[in-house]
Protein backbone atom coordinates (compact mmCIF):
# COMPACT_ATOMS: atom_id res chain seq x y z
CA MET A 1 0.00 0.00 0.00
CA THR A 2 1.36 3.37 -0.90
CA GLY A 3 -0.18 5.16 2.07
CA PRO A 4 -3.06 5.10 4.55
CA GLY A 5 -5.19 7.22 2.25
CA SER A 6 -4.38 5.39 -0.98
CA ARG A 7 -6.53 2.94 -2.92
CA ALA A 8 -3.49 0.84 -3.86
CA TYR A 9 -1.57 -1.33 -1.44
CA VAL A 10 1.34 -3.76 -1.40
CA PRO A 11 0.90 -6.24 1.50
CA GLY A 12 3.97 -6.44 3.66
CA LYS A 13 5.73 -3.39 2.22
CA CYS A 14 7.60 -1.78 5.08
CA ARG A 15 10.49 0.64 5.21
CA SER A 16 11.86 -0.58 8.56
CA GLN A 17 13.35 -3.98 9.30
CA PRO A 18 10.49 -6.23 10.53
CA PRO A 19 10.84 -7.07 14.24
CA TRP A 20 9.83 -10.44 15.67
CA PRO A 21 6.11 -9.54 16.09
CA TYR A 22 5.84 -9.02 12.33
CA LEU A 23 7.43 -12.37 11.57
CA LEU A 24 5.29 -14.03 14.22
CA ALA A 25 2.07 -12.56 12.83
CA ILE A 26 2.82 -13.66 9.27
CA GLY A 27 3.71 -17.12 10.51
CA LEU A 28 0.50 -17.34 12.48
CA MET A 29 -1.58 -16.15 9.53
CA ILE A 30 -0.11 -18.78 7.24
CA VAL A 31 0.19 -21.86 9.43
CA GLY A 32 -1.54 -21.00 12.71
CA LEU A 33 1.35 -21.73 15.06
CA PRO A 34 0.25 -22.47 18.63
CA ILE A 35 0.91 -19.85 21.30
CA ALA A 36 2.64 -22.40 23.48
CA ARG A 37 5.30 -23.14 20.85
CA SER A 38 8.37 -20.92 20.97
CA LEU A 39 10.01 -19.82 17.75
CA GLU A 40 13.40 -20.87 19.07
CA ALA A 41 14.55 -22.50 22.27
CA GLN A 42 15.92 -19.18 23.56
CA VAL A 43 12.81 -17.11 22.72
CA PRO A 44 10.12 -16.76 25.43
CA LYS A 45 6.72 -18.16 24.52
CA PRO A 46 4.43 -15.38 23.26
CA THR A 47 1.33 -14.65 25.27
CA GLU A 48 -2.16 -14.35 23.79
CA TYR A 49 -1.99 -10.54 23.82
CA GLU A 50 1.50 -10.47 22.33
CA VAL A 51 0.08 -12.46 19.41
CA GLN A 52 -2.94 -10.14 19.14
CA ALA A 53 -0.62 -7.11 19.17
CA ALA A 54 1.42 -8.68 16.38
CA TYR A 55 -1.73 -9.15 14.31
CA LEU A 56 -2.74 -5.53 14.92
CA SER A 57 0.64 -4.37 13.67
CA ASN A 58 -0.01 -6.12 10.36
CA PHE A 59 -3.73 -5.98 9.58
CA GLY A 60 -3.27 -2.56 7.99
CA ARG A 61 -1.07 -4.07 5.29
CA PHE A 62 -4.01 -6.07 3.98
CA VAL A 63 -6.65 -3.33 3.80
CA GLU A 64 -7.54 -0.61 1.28
CA TRP A 65 -9.10 2.52 2.77
CA PRO A 66 -11.15 5.08 0.83
CA VAL A 67 -9.23 8.18 -0.17
CA LYS A 68 -9.98 11.00 2.26
CA ALA A 69 -9.91 14.63 1.23
CA GLY A 70 -6.72 16.30 2.44
CA ALA A 71 -5.15 13.00 3.52
CA ASN A 72 -1.38 12.69 3.27
CA GLU A 73 0.24 9.30 2.71
CA LYS A 74 2.83 10.17 5.37
CA ASP A 75 0.19 10.87 8.04
CA THR A 76 0.57 8.78 11.19
CA PHE A 77 -1.18 5.42 10.96
CA TYR A 78 -2.95 5.12 14.31
CA VAL A 79 -3.89 1.76 15.82
CA CYS A 80 -6.25 2.71 18.64
CA VAL A 81 -7.64 0.97 21.70
CA LEU A 82 -11.16 2.06 22.62
CA GLY A 83 -12.22 1.14 26.14
CA GLN A 84 -10.25 -1.14 28.44
CA ASP A 85 -6.64 -1.71 27.36
CA PRO A 86 -5.58 -5.38 27.68
CA PHE A 87 -2.18 -4.80 26.06
CA GLY A 88 -0.31 -2.27 28.17
CA PRO A 89 3.18 -1.81 26.66
CA LEU A 90 2.83 -4.89 24.42
CA LEU A 91 1.04 -3.01 21.65
CA ASP A 92 3.50 -0.10 21.71
CA ALA A 93 6.38 -2.59 21.48
CA ALA A 94 4.79 -4.42 18.53
CA LEU A 95 4.29 -1.17 16.60
CA LYS A 96 7.62 0.46 17.44
CA GLY A 97 9.55 1.34 14.29
CA GLU A 98 6.87 -0.08 11.99
CA THR A 99 5.63 1.81 8.96
CA ILE A 100 3.02 1.40 6.22
CA GLY A 101 3.96 3.12 2.99
CA GLY A 102 6.33 5.36 4.91
CA ALA A 103 3.71 6.34 7.52
CA PRO A 104 4.70 5.48 11.10
CA ILE A 105 2.34 3.10 12.92
CA VAL A 106 1.56 4.38 16.42
CA ALA A 107 -0.59 3.04 19.25
CA LYS A 108 -3.18 5.40 20.70
CA ARG A 109 -5.68 4.99 23.55
CA VAL A 110 -9.04 6.70 23.06
CA THR A 111 -12.00 7.11 25.41
CA GLY A 112 -14.82 7.63 22.93
CA VAL A 113 -15.90 7.26 19.31
CA ALA A 114 -15.24 10.94 18.60
CA ASP A 115 -11.60 10.47 19.65
CA ALA A 116 -11.21 7.67 17.10
CA ALA A 117 -11.75 9.95 14.08
CA ASN A 118 -8.08 9.76 13.00
CA CYS A 119 -7.64 6.04 13.74
CA ARG A 120 -7.21 3.46 11.01
CA ILE A 121 -7.68 0.42 13.23
CA VAL A 122 -9.71 0.44 16.45
CA TYR A 123 -9.50 -2.39 18.97
CA VAL A 124 -12.87 -2.21 20.73
CA ASN A 125 -12.98 -3.52 24.29
CA PRO A 126 -15.76 -1.71 26.15
CA ALA A 127 -16.51 -1.93 29.85
CA LYS A 128 -19.31 -4.32 30.81
CA ASP A 129 -21.81 -1.50 31.21
CA THR A 130 -21.12 -0.10 27.71
CA PRO A 131 -23.18 -1.59 24.84
CA LEU A 132 -20.83 -3.07 22.25
CA ARG A 133 -23.33 -2.79 19.41
CA ALA A 134 -23.77 0.95 20.01
CA LEU A 135 -20.02 1.54 19.74
CA LEU A 136 -19.70 -0.56 16.59
CA THR A 137 -22.67 1.18 14.97
CA ALA A 138 -21.13 4.58 15.74
CA LEU A 139 -17.81 3.47 14.24
CA GLY A 140 -19.42 1.77 11.24
CA ASN A 141 -19.37 4.84 8.99
CA SER A 142 -15.92 6.07 10.00
CA ASN A 143 -13.81 4.04 7.53
CA VAL A 144 -11.99 2.32 10.41
CA LEU A 145 -11.20 -1.37 10.80
CA THR A 146 -12.83 -2.58 14.02
CA VAL A 147 -11.16 -5.45 15.89
CA GLY A 148 -12.09 -7.14 19.17
CA GLU A 149 -12.33 -10.37 21.09
CA ALA A 150 -15.88 -10.31 22.54
CA ALA A 151 -17.64 -13.63 21.90
CA ASP A 152 -20.24 -12.02 19.62
CA PHE A 153 -18.06 -9.27 18.16
CA THR A 154 -18.60 -9.99 14.45
CA ARG A 155 -22.27 -10.85 14.98
CA GLN A 156 -22.80 -7.38 16.43
CA GLY A 157 -21.13 -5.65 13.50
CA GLY A 158 -17.41 -5.84 14.28
CA MET A 159 -15.06 -6.62 11.40
CA ILE A 160 -12.35 -8.87 12.87
CA GLN A 161 -12.81 -11.01 15.97
CA PHE A 162 -9.95 -12.82 17.68
CA VAL A 163 -10.78 -16.40 18.67
CA LEU A 164 -8.84 -19.16 20.37
CA GLU A 165 -8.57 -22.54 18.68
CA GLY A 166 -6.93 -24.74 21.25
CA ASN A 167 -3.85 -22.68 22.10
CA ARG A 168 -3.81 -20.80 18.78
CA VAL A 169 -4.95 -17.21 18.29
CA ARG A 170 -6.97 -17.04 15.07
CA PHE A 171 -9.58 -14.62 13.78
CA GLU A 172 -12.99 -14.42 12.12
CA ILE A 173 -13.95 -11.73 9.60
CA ASN A 174 -17.24 -9.93 9.00
CA LEU A 175 -16.60 -8.94 5.40
CA ALA A 176 -20.04 -7.38 5.01
CA ALA A 177 -19.33 -4.92 7.84
CA ALA A 178 -15.94 -3.99 6.35
CA GLN A 179 -17.42 -3.40 2.91
CA LYS A 180 -20.23 -1.31 4.37
CA ALA A 181 -17.56 0.93 5.92
CA GLY A 182 -15.83 1.28 2.55
CA LEU A 183 -12.92 -1.03 3.36
CA ASN A 184 -11.53 -3.57 0.93
CA LEU A 185 -9.86 -6.55 2.63
CA SER A 186 -7.15 -8.44 0.79
CA SER A 187 -7.95 -11.98 -0.34
CA GLN A 188 -4.75 -13.04 1.44
CA LEU A 189 -6.30 -12.00 4.74
CA LEU A 190 -9.61 -13.70 3.97
CA LYS A 191 -7.85 -16.99 3.15
CA VAL A 192 -6.34 -17.35 6.62
CA ALA A 193 -9.47 -16.39 8.57
CA VAL A 194 -11.28 -19.11 10.49
CA SER A 195 -14.54 -17.96 8.92
CA VAL A 196 -15.76 -15.08 6.73
CA ARG A 197 -19.23 -13.57 7.11
CA ARG A 198 -20.19 -12.24 3.70
CA THR A 199 -23.77 -11.12 4.38
CA PRO A 200 -25.10 -8.69 7.03
């Protein structure tokens, strides 16, 4: 992809040297490596949220966003957390030094939908007293990729839902929700999803 606001993309194109989360995410997407298996004997076993953070650092490489008026391809590519943050420093570490089309990828914590206006990816993890569907509906027309792990995330309108298969972190896709928001997901991403919902 040539930039966050471009209609063309090149999956995996990155100016910086990919750190281990990038390699881990690609490996997981292709073969679904279990969390409990270390990449090498000397490397600590990644936790569930380290794997999720690695995915979040790479999802943007497989998405086309609509061109926005006044957008600059070098604008910061924000990966935001809306609601409770399960990652702590893990997400910042996964994104550190990463770029998409020359745009730096940066983690950002937001407290409301209005604060997510400049986000490209939003990890939605609301408190128990906050309706998930209401948040997803509010984000639905914002051209952002919504990601979460709630059991009914894609059924309520979310786009990518993390799921556990044994000790593997995988994901489901609600393609209809992504297309409604004007997002075009790469076929490479669809191929490695556990399931793809193509109708509302």
